[in-house]
Amino acid sequence: MLAKKYILNNKKIFTALKFKGSRIKIGSFLFSFFVNKSEINNNRFGIIISAKAVARASERNRIKRRIRALLFRFKDQQAQGQFLDLAIIVLNSPKNNDYSKLADFLEQKFN
């Protein structure tokens, strides 16, 4: 479980990520991120899954748990010497190989 300081929950920040952030699509996931320029010295993550993308709530929760487990490893690591605000948007129900692509992308970004 990620602590509260690692979670993005502010609508203004999500809107800024949507319009100002860099975007990368990998499999079923769309990443939107930008450098955290505030005084917060850690990465912050947000996960967005709409009911339209994944209909069953139990499946949405399972997907969120799997993504959070991957993000837990990178919560204190810097990406190229900077902390990031990262929103992961799930576009449709991911397959198992999409999670491995997600893990590879995060390894590249944070190492």
Protein backbone atom coordinates (compact mmCIF):
# COMPACT_ATOMS: atom_id res chain seq x y z
CA MET A 1 0.00 0.00 0.00
CA LEU A 2 1.34 3.40 -0.93
CA ALA A 3 1.40 6.05 1.78
CA LYS A 4 -0.75 9.15 1.31
CA LYS A 5 2.24 11.33 0.36
CA TYR A 6 2.82 9.17 -2.76
CA ILE A 7 -0.74 9.46 -4.06
CA LEU A 8 -2.04 12.07 -6.48
CA ASN A 9 -5.58 13.02 -5.51
CA ASN A 10 -5.85 16.67 -6.48
CA LYS A 11 -8.03 17.44 -9.50
CA LYS A 12 -5.86 20.44 -10.46
CA ILE A 13 -2.79 18.24 -10.70
CA PHE A 14 -4.60 15.65 -12.81
CA THR A 15 -5.78 18.44 -15.13
CA ALA A 16 -2.23 19.77 -15.41
CA LEU A 17 -0.97 16.27 -16.20
CA LYS A 18 -3.63 15.94 -18.86
CA PHE A 19 -2.74 19.16 -20.68
CA LYS A 20 0.92 19.85 -19.85
CA GLY A 21 2.37 16.43 -19.18
CA SER A 22 4.30 14.21 -21.56
CA ARG A 23 2.30 11.23 -22.77
CA ILE A 24 3.38 7.72 -23.68
CA LYS A 25 1.09 4.80 -24.59
CA ILE A 26 2.27 1.29 -23.74
CA GLY A 27 -0.16 -1.55 -24.31
CA SER A 28 -3.38 -0.83 -22.42
CA PHE A 29 -1.78 1.96 -20.40
CA LEU A 30 -1.40 5.66 -21.12
CA PHE A 31 1.23 7.46 -19.04
CA SER A 32 1.06 11.17 -18.43
CA PHE A 33 3.89 12.67 -16.38
CA PHE A 34 5.84 15.81 -15.65
CA VAL A 35 8.59 16.91 -13.31
CA ASN A 36 7.40 17.73 -9.80
CA LYS A 37 8.68 21.28 -9.22
CA SER A 38 7.13 21.78 -5.81
CA GLU A 39 8.87 21.26 -2.49
CA ILE A 40 7.67 17.66 -2.30
CA ASN A 41 10.66 15.34 -2.34
CA ASN A 42 9.06 12.15 -3.59
CA ASN A 43 7.24 10.78 -6.61
CA ARG A 44 3.45 10.93 -6.69
CA PHE A 45 1.29 8.45 -8.57
CA GLY A 46 -2.30 8.42 -9.75
CA ILE A 47 -4.24 5.58 -11.33
CA ILE A 48 -7.33 6.24 -13.44
CA ILE A 49 -9.63 3.45 -14.61
CA SER A 50 -13.07 4.35 -15.89
CA ALA A 51 -16.06 2.05 -15.70
CA LYS A 52 -16.29 2.38 -19.46
CA ALA A 53 -12.80 0.89 -19.90
CA VAL A 54 -13.28 -1.96 -17.40
CA ALA A 55 -16.89 -2.70 -16.52
CA ARG A 56 -16.59 -4.81 -13.35
CA ALA A 57 -15.53 -3.05 -10.16
CA SER A 58 -13.73 -6.13 -8.87
CA GLU A 59 -11.57 -6.21 -12.00
CA ARG A 60 -10.84 -2.46 -11.73
CA ASN A 61 -9.71 -2.96 -8.13
CA ARG A 62 -7.51 -5.92 -9.10
CA ILE A 63 -5.85 -3.88 -11.84
CA LYS A 64 -5.21 -1.01 -9.40
CA ARG A 65 -3.65 -3.42 -6.87
CA ARG A 66 -1.31 -4.85 -9.50
CA ILE A 67 -0.25 -1.38 -10.67
CA ARG A 68 0.28 -0.17 -7.07
CA ALA A 69 2.47 -3.21 -6.37
CA LEU A 70 4.69 -2.23 -9.31
CA LEU A 71 4.79 1.44 -8.29
CA PHE A 72 5.76 0.60 -4.70
CA ARG A 73 9.29 -0.26 -5.86
CA PHE A 74 9.81 3.18 -7.42
CA LYS A 75 8.22 5.43 -4.82
CA ASP A 76 11.51 7.00 -3.62
CA GLN A 77 13.65 6.70 -6.75
CA GLN A 78 14.37 9.73 -8.89
CA ALA A 79 13.95 9.73 -12.66
CA GLN A 80 17.04 11.41 -14.13
CA GLY A 81 17.62 13.21 -10.84
CA GLN A 82 14.07 14.58 -10.58
CA PHE A 83 10.87 13.53 -8.86
CA LEU A 84 7.80 13.00 -11.05
CA ASP A 85 4.04 13.27 -10.88
CA LEU A 86 2.83 10.26 -12.85
CA ALA A 87 -0.74 9.42 -13.84
CA ILE A 88 -1.43 5.99 -15.28
CA ILE A 89 -4.63 5.82 -17.29
CA VAL A 90 -5.98 2.37 -18.11
CA LEU A 91 -7.59 2.47 -21.55
CA ASN A 92 -9.00 -1.08 -21.61
CA SER A 93 -8.62 -4.33 -19.71
CA PRO A 94 -4.88 -5.12 -19.73
CA LYS A 95 -3.46 -8.52 -20.58
CA ASN A 96 -0.68 -10.17 -18.56
CA ASN A 97 2.06 -9.11 -21.00
CA ASP A 98 0.94 -5.46 -20.60
CA TYR A 99 2.03 -5.60 -16.95
CA SER A 100 5.49 -6.77 -17.97
CA LYS A 101 5.68 -3.87 -20.45
CA LEU A 102 4.61 -1.53 -17.63
CA ALA A 103 7.35 -2.92 -15.35
CA ASP A 104 9.97 -2.54 -18.11
CA PHE A 105 8.91 1.07 -18.77
CA LEU A 106 9.11 1.97 -15.07
CA GLU A 107 12.55 0.31 -14.77
CA GLN A 108 13.79 2.41 -17.71
CA LYS A 109 12.26 5.62 -16.39
CA PHE A 110 13.54 5.33 -12.82
CA ASN A 111 16.97 3.77 -13.41
